[in-house]
N, C-alpha and C. Protein backbone atom coordinates (compact mmCIF):
# COMPACT_ATOMS: atom_id res chain seq x y z
N UNK A 1 357.90 145.52 -40.95
CA UNK A 1 358.15 144.35 -40.13
C UNK A 1 359.22 144.69 -39.10
N UNK A 2 359.01 144.25 -37.88
CA UNK A 2 359.94 144.52 -36.78
C UNK A 2 361.20 143.67 -36.92
N UNK A 3 362.31 144.21 -36.46
CA UNK A 3 363.58 143.48 -36.42
C UNK A 3 363.61 142.70 -35.11
N UNK A 4 363.18 141.46 -35.14
CA UNK A 4 363.05 140.65 -33.92
C UNK A 4 364.40 140.38 -33.27
N UNK A 5 365.45 140.19 -34.06
CA UNK A 5 366.76 139.95 -33.48
C UNK A 5 367.26 141.17 -32.71
N UNK A 6 367.06 142.36 -33.28
CA UNK A 6 367.48 143.59 -32.59
C UNK A 6 366.67 143.76 -31.30
N UNK A 7 365.38 143.55 -31.37
CA UNK A 7 364.54 143.69 -30.18
C UNK A 7 364.94 142.68 -29.10
N UNK A 8 365.22 141.45 -29.51
CA UNK A 8 365.65 140.43 -28.56
C UNK A 8 366.98 140.77 -27.93
N UNK A 9 367.91 141.29 -28.72
CA UNK A 9 369.21 141.68 -28.20
C UNK A 9 369.08 142.84 -27.22
N UNK A 10 368.24 143.80 -27.53
CA UNK A 10 368.02 144.93 -26.63
C UNK A 10 367.42 144.45 -25.31
N UNK A 11 366.46 143.54 -25.39
CA UNK A 11 365.83 143.00 -24.18
C UNK A 11 366.86 142.25 -23.33
N UNK A 12 367.70 141.42 -23.98
CA UNK A 12 368.73 140.69 -23.24
C UNK A 12 369.71 141.62 -22.55
N UNK A 13 370.12 142.68 -23.22
CA UNK A 13 371.05 143.65 -22.62
C UNK A 13 370.41 144.35 -21.43
N UNK A 14 369.12 144.67 -21.53
CA UNK A 14 368.42 145.29 -20.42
C UNK A 14 368.33 144.33 -19.23
N UNK A 15 368.06 143.06 -19.50
CA UNK A 15 367.98 142.05 -18.43
C UNK A 15 369.35 141.81 -17.79
N UNK A 16 370.40 141.76 -18.61
CA UNK A 16 371.75 141.58 -18.07
C UNK A 16 372.09 142.74 -17.14
N UNK A 17 371.79 143.95 -17.58
CA UNK A 17 372.11 145.12 -16.77
C UNK A 17 371.27 145.16 -15.49
N UNK A 18 370.00 144.80 -15.60
CA UNK A 18 369.11 144.86 -14.44
C UNK A 18 369.40 143.77 -13.41
N UNK A 19 369.80 142.58 -13.87
CA UNK A 19 369.87 141.44 -12.96
C UNK A 19 371.26 140.82 -12.80
N UNK A 20 372.22 141.18 -13.63
CA UNK A 20 373.55 140.55 -13.58
C UNK A 20 374.67 141.58 -13.52
N UNK A 21 374.40 142.75 -12.98
CA UNK A 21 375.43 143.77 -12.93
C UNK A 21 375.52 144.36 -11.53
N UNK A 22 376.59 145.09 -11.31
CA UNK A 22 376.84 145.77 -10.04
C UNK A 22 377.22 147.21 -10.33
N UNK A 23 376.95 148.11 -9.37
CA UNK A 23 377.41 149.48 -9.58
C UNK A 23 378.93 149.56 -9.43
N UNK A 24 379.56 150.26 -10.35
CA UNK A 24 381.00 150.52 -10.32
C UNK A 24 381.19 152.01 -10.56
N UNK A 25 382.39 152.48 -10.25
CA UNK A 25 382.71 153.88 -10.51
C UNK A 25 383.70 153.94 -11.66
N UNK A 26 383.31 154.62 -12.73
CA UNK A 26 384.17 154.80 -13.89
C UNK A 26 384.83 156.16 -13.72
N UNK A 27 386.18 156.17 -13.68
CA UNK A 27 386.92 157.40 -13.41
C UNK A 27 387.75 157.84 -14.61
N UNK A 28 387.52 159.06 -15.00
CA UNK A 28 388.36 159.74 -15.99
C UNK A 28 388.62 161.12 -15.39
N UNK A 29 389.77 161.26 -14.71
CA UNK A 29 390.02 162.49 -13.96
C UNK A 29 389.77 163.73 -14.80
N UNK A 30 389.13 164.71 -14.23
CA UNK A 30 388.75 164.84 -12.82
C UNK A 30 387.37 164.29 -12.51
N UNK A 31 386.71 163.61 -13.44
CA UNK A 31 385.33 163.16 -13.25
C UNK A 31 385.25 161.70 -12.84
N UNK A 32 384.11 161.35 -12.23
CA UNK A 32 383.81 159.96 -11.87
C UNK A 32 382.32 159.74 -12.09
N UNK A 33 381.96 158.59 -12.65
CA UNK A 33 380.58 158.28 -12.99
C UNK A 33 380.22 156.92 -12.41
N UNK A 34 379.06 156.80 -11.79
CA UNK A 34 378.59 155.50 -11.32
C UNK A 34 377.74 154.88 -12.43
N UNK A 35 378.14 153.67 -12.85
CA UNK A 35 377.44 152.95 -13.91
C UNK A 35 377.25 151.49 -13.48
N UNK A 36 376.38 150.77 -14.15
CA UNK A 36 376.18 149.35 -13.90
C UNK A 36 377.08 148.56 -14.82
N UNK A 37 377.80 147.57 -14.26
CA UNK A 37 378.73 146.78 -15.06
C UNK A 37 378.61 145.31 -14.69
N UNK A 38 378.82 144.46 -15.69
CA UNK A 38 378.90 143.02 -15.50
C UNK A 38 380.37 142.63 -15.67
N UNK A 39 380.87 141.82 -14.74
CA UNK A 39 382.27 141.40 -14.78
C UNK A 39 382.45 140.29 -15.80
N UNK A 40 383.58 140.30 -16.49
CA UNK A 40 383.91 139.28 -17.46
C UNK A 40 385.41 139.07 -17.52
N UNK A 41 385.82 138.23 -18.43
CA UNK A 41 387.24 137.90 -18.61
C UNK A 41 387.50 137.63 -20.07
N UNK A 42 388.66 138.04 -20.55
CA UNK A 42 389.10 137.71 -21.90
C UNK A 42 390.45 137.02 -21.79
N UNK A 43 390.54 135.82 -22.33
CA UNK A 43 391.80 135.10 -22.34
C UNK A 43 392.57 135.38 -23.62
N UNK A 44 393.90 135.33 -23.53
CA UNK A 44 394.73 135.54 -24.71
C UNK A 44 396.07 134.87 -24.48
N UNK A 45 396.84 134.71 -25.54
CA UNK A 45 398.16 134.11 -25.45
C UNK A 45 399.22 135.15 -25.75
N UNK A 46 400.32 135.08 -24.99
CA UNK A 46 401.44 135.99 -25.17
C UNK A 46 402.69 135.15 -25.40
N UNK A 47 403.44 135.47 -26.45
CA UNK A 47 404.71 134.77 -26.69
C UNK A 47 405.84 135.65 -26.17
N UNK A 48 406.73 135.04 -25.35
CA UNK A 48 407.87 135.81 -24.86
C UNK A 48 409.01 135.75 -25.87
N UNK A 49 410.13 136.39 -25.55
CA UNK A 49 411.24 136.50 -26.50
C UNK A 49 411.88 135.17 -26.84
N UNK A 50 411.70 134.14 -25.99
CA UNK A 50 412.27 132.82 -26.29
C UNK A 50 411.30 131.92 -27.05
N UNK A 51 410.11 132.45 -27.34
CA UNK A 51 409.15 131.68 -28.10
C UNK A 51 408.15 130.90 -27.27
N UNK A 52 408.26 130.96 -25.93
CA UNK A 52 407.31 130.29 -25.07
C UNK A 52 405.98 131.03 -25.09
N UNK A 53 404.90 130.27 -25.13
CA UNK A 53 403.57 130.87 -25.12
C UNK A 53 403.01 130.81 -23.71
N UNK A 54 402.50 131.95 -23.26
CA UNK A 54 401.93 132.06 -21.92
C UNK A 54 400.46 132.42 -22.07
N UNK A 55 399.61 131.65 -21.40
CA UNK A 55 398.19 131.98 -21.36
C UNK A 55 397.96 133.03 -20.29
N UNK A 56 397.18 134.04 -20.60
CA UNK A 56 396.90 135.11 -19.65
C UNK A 56 395.45 135.54 -19.81
N UNK A 57 395.00 136.42 -18.95
CA UNK A 57 393.66 136.97 -19.07
C UNK A 57 393.64 138.40 -18.55
N UNK A 58 392.64 139.14 -18.98
CA UNK A 58 392.37 140.47 -18.46
C UNK A 58 390.95 140.49 -17.93
N UNK A 59 390.71 141.38 -16.98
CA UNK A 59 389.37 141.57 -16.46
C UNK A 59 388.60 142.48 -17.40
N UNK A 60 387.38 142.10 -17.72
CA UNK A 60 386.53 142.91 -18.57
C UNK A 60 385.34 143.42 -17.79
N UNK A 61 384.84 144.56 -18.21
CA UNK A 61 383.61 145.11 -17.66
C UNK A 61 382.68 145.38 -18.84
N UNK A 62 381.46 144.85 -18.77
CA UNK A 62 380.45 145.09 -19.79
C UNK A 62 379.56 146.22 -19.29
N UNK A 63 379.55 147.32 -20.05
CA UNK A 63 378.81 148.52 -19.67
C UNK A 63 378.01 149.00 -20.87
N UNK A 64 376.72 149.31 -20.66
CA UNK A 64 375.91 149.84 -21.75
C UNK A 64 376.51 151.15 -22.25
N UNK A 65 376.63 151.28 -23.55
CA UNK A 65 377.20 152.49 -24.16
C UNK A 65 376.40 153.73 -23.79
N UNK A 66 375.08 153.60 -23.77
CA UNK A 66 374.25 154.76 -23.46
C UNK A 66 374.40 155.19 -22.00
N UNK A 67 374.75 154.26 -21.13
CA UNK A 67 374.94 154.61 -19.73
C UNK A 67 376.28 155.31 -19.51
N UNK A 68 377.31 154.89 -20.24
CA UNK A 68 378.63 155.51 -20.09
C UNK A 68 378.68 156.86 -20.82
N UNK A 69 378.21 156.90 -22.06
CA UNK A 69 378.10 158.18 -22.78
C UNK A 69 379.35 158.63 -23.53
N UNK A 70 380.46 157.88 -23.47
CA UNK A 70 381.67 158.22 -24.21
C UNK A 70 382.48 156.94 -24.39
N UNK A 71 383.42 156.95 -25.32
CA UNK A 71 384.25 155.77 -25.55
C UNK A 71 385.32 155.65 -24.47
N UNK A 72 385.53 154.44 -23.96
CA UNK A 72 386.61 154.22 -22.99
C UNK A 72 387.97 154.52 -23.61
N UNK A 73 388.92 154.94 -22.78
CA UNK A 73 390.28 155.24 -23.23
C UNK A 73 391.28 154.60 -22.29
N UNK A 74 392.45 154.18 -22.81
CA UNK A 74 393.49 153.65 -21.93
C UNK A 74 393.83 154.66 -20.84
N UNK A 75 394.03 154.14 -19.63
CA UNK A 75 394.34 155.01 -18.50
C UNK A 75 393.14 155.35 -17.63
N UNK A 76 391.91 155.22 -18.17
CA UNK A 76 390.73 155.38 -17.34
C UNK A 76 390.77 154.29 -16.26
N UNK A 77 390.06 154.50 -15.16
CA UNK A 77 390.06 153.54 -14.06
C UNK A 77 388.63 153.18 -13.70
N UNK A 78 388.40 151.90 -13.44
CA UNK A 78 387.11 151.42 -12.95
C UNK A 78 387.34 150.91 -11.53
N UNK A 79 386.58 151.45 -10.57
CA UNK A 79 386.67 151.01 -9.18
C UNK A 79 385.48 150.10 -8.89
N UNK A 80 385.80 148.88 -8.40
CA UNK A 80 384.75 147.89 -8.13
C UNK A 80 385.20 146.98 -7.00
N UNK A 81 384.31 146.74 -6.06
CA UNK A 81 384.56 145.78 -4.97
C UNK A 81 385.87 146.06 -4.23
N UNK A 82 386.19 147.32 -4.01
CA UNK A 82 387.39 147.67 -3.26
C UNK A 82 388.69 147.57 -4.04
N UNK A 83 388.61 147.33 -5.36
CA UNK A 83 389.80 147.22 -6.22
C UNK A 83 389.72 148.28 -7.31
N UNK A 84 390.88 148.59 -7.90
CA UNK A 84 390.95 149.49 -9.05
C UNK A 84 391.43 148.71 -10.26
N UNK A 85 390.82 148.98 -11.41
CA UNK A 85 391.16 148.32 -12.67
C UNK A 85 391.43 149.41 -13.70
N UNK A 86 392.62 149.36 -14.29
CA UNK A 86 392.99 150.36 -15.30
C UNK A 86 392.63 149.86 -16.69
N UNK A 87 391.97 150.72 -17.46
CA UNK A 87 391.61 150.39 -18.84
C UNK A 87 392.91 150.32 -19.64
N UNK A 88 393.08 149.22 -20.39
CA UNK A 88 394.32 149.00 -21.13
C UNK A 88 394.06 148.42 -22.50
N UNK A 89 394.97 148.70 -23.43
CA UNK A 89 394.89 148.10 -24.76
C UNK A 89 395.22 146.62 -24.67
N UNK A 90 394.51 145.84 -25.46
CA UNK A 90 394.74 144.40 -25.53
C UNK A 90 395.25 144.07 -26.92
N UNK A 91 396.57 143.97 -27.08
CA UNK A 91 397.16 143.68 -28.38
C UNK A 91 396.69 144.69 -29.41
N UNK A 92 396.36 144.21 -30.59
CA UNK A 92 395.90 145.07 -31.66
C UNK A 92 394.41 145.37 -31.59
N UNK A 93 393.76 144.90 -30.53
CA UNK A 93 392.31 145.04 -30.41
C UNK A 93 391.88 146.38 -29.84
N UNK A 94 392.75 147.10 -29.18
CA UNK A 94 392.36 148.32 -28.50
C UNK A 94 391.94 148.03 -27.07
N UNK A 95 391.38 149.02 -26.40
CA UNK A 95 391.02 148.84 -25.00
C UNK A 95 389.58 148.40 -24.80
N UNK A 96 388.80 148.35 -25.86
CA UNK A 96 387.43 147.86 -25.75
C UNK A 96 386.97 147.35 -27.11
N UNK A 97 385.89 146.60 -27.07
CA UNK A 97 385.22 146.17 -28.30
C UNK A 97 383.73 146.09 -28.01
N UNK A 98 382.96 146.02 -29.07
CA UNK A 98 381.53 145.87 -28.87
C UNK A 98 381.24 144.44 -28.42
N UNK A 99 380.33 144.31 -27.49
CA UNK A 99 379.98 143.01 -26.95
C UNK A 99 378.82 142.37 -27.70
N UNK A 100 378.18 143.13 -28.57
CA UNK A 100 377.00 142.63 -29.29
C UNK A 100 376.97 143.22 -30.69
N UNK A 101 376.24 142.59 -31.60
CA UNK A 101 376.25 143.06 -33.00
C UNK A 101 375.53 144.39 -33.21
N UNK A 102 374.76 144.85 -32.23
CA UNK A 102 374.01 146.09 -32.39
C UNK A 102 374.67 147.28 -31.68
N UNK A 103 375.89 147.08 -31.20
CA UNK A 103 376.69 148.14 -30.61
C UNK A 103 375.99 148.83 -29.45
N UNK A 104 375.50 148.01 -28.54
CA UNK A 104 374.83 148.53 -27.34
C UNK A 104 375.73 148.52 -26.13
N UNK A 105 376.69 147.56 -26.10
CA UNK A 105 377.46 147.32 -24.88
C UNK A 105 378.96 147.28 -25.17
N UNK A 106 379.72 148.06 -24.37
CA UNK A 106 381.17 148.00 -24.43
C UNK A 106 381.66 146.78 -23.63
N UNK A 107 382.68 146.09 -24.14
CA UNK A 107 383.45 145.12 -23.36
C UNK A 107 384.81 145.80 -23.18
N UNK A 108 385.05 146.30 -21.96
CA UNK A 108 386.21 147.12 -21.67
C UNK A 108 387.28 146.25 -21.02
N UNK A 109 388.48 146.24 -21.60
CA UNK A 109 389.59 145.43 -21.10
C UNK A 109 390.36 146.21 -20.03
N UNK A 110 390.64 145.56 -18.90
CA UNK A 110 391.34 146.22 -17.80
C UNK A 110 392.36 145.29 -17.15
N UNK A 111 393.21 145.89 -16.32
CA UNK A 111 394.11 145.11 -15.47
C UNK A 111 393.92 145.59 -14.04
N UNK A 112 394.03 144.67 -13.11
CA UNK A 112 393.90 144.98 -11.68
C UNK A 112 395.16 145.74 -11.25
N UNK A 113 394.97 146.93 -10.69
CA UNK A 113 396.12 147.73 -10.27
C UNK A 113 396.17 147.92 -8.76
N UNK A 114 395.35 147.18 -8.03
CA UNK A 114 395.45 147.23 -6.58
C UNK A 114 394.22 147.71 -5.86
N UNK A 115 394.37 147.85 -4.58
CA UNK A 115 393.26 148.25 -3.72
C UNK A 115 392.84 149.69 -4.01
N UNK A 116 391.54 149.93 -3.86
CA UNK A 116 391.00 151.27 -4.02
C UNK A 116 390.98 151.91 -2.64
N UNK A 117 391.95 152.78 -2.40
CA UNK A 117 392.06 153.38 -1.06
C UNK A 117 391.49 154.78 -1.03
């Protein structure tokens, strides 16, 4: 019997990549790779030293694992729409997590570090 949930998830990831993504450049010096990515956001709360809670967010990029071919690492850079985004750890979560239960897509956490010149 076929695993219908897995097949459906694979189809959805293919459709997201085909119709809801843009080409970006993933940079890990000295190499650079063009991959398809969907933009996202992850919100989180940060408590400062006085106990005040601040709501913040990071920019996420959803990239198929098979298209990237390696695990993202802090310090890697994604160039998109004339901006650069540095891959960064998000609390105890690391710099990425799986976006789906079948481990097809990375959700990579980044911060905007300025214009891509």
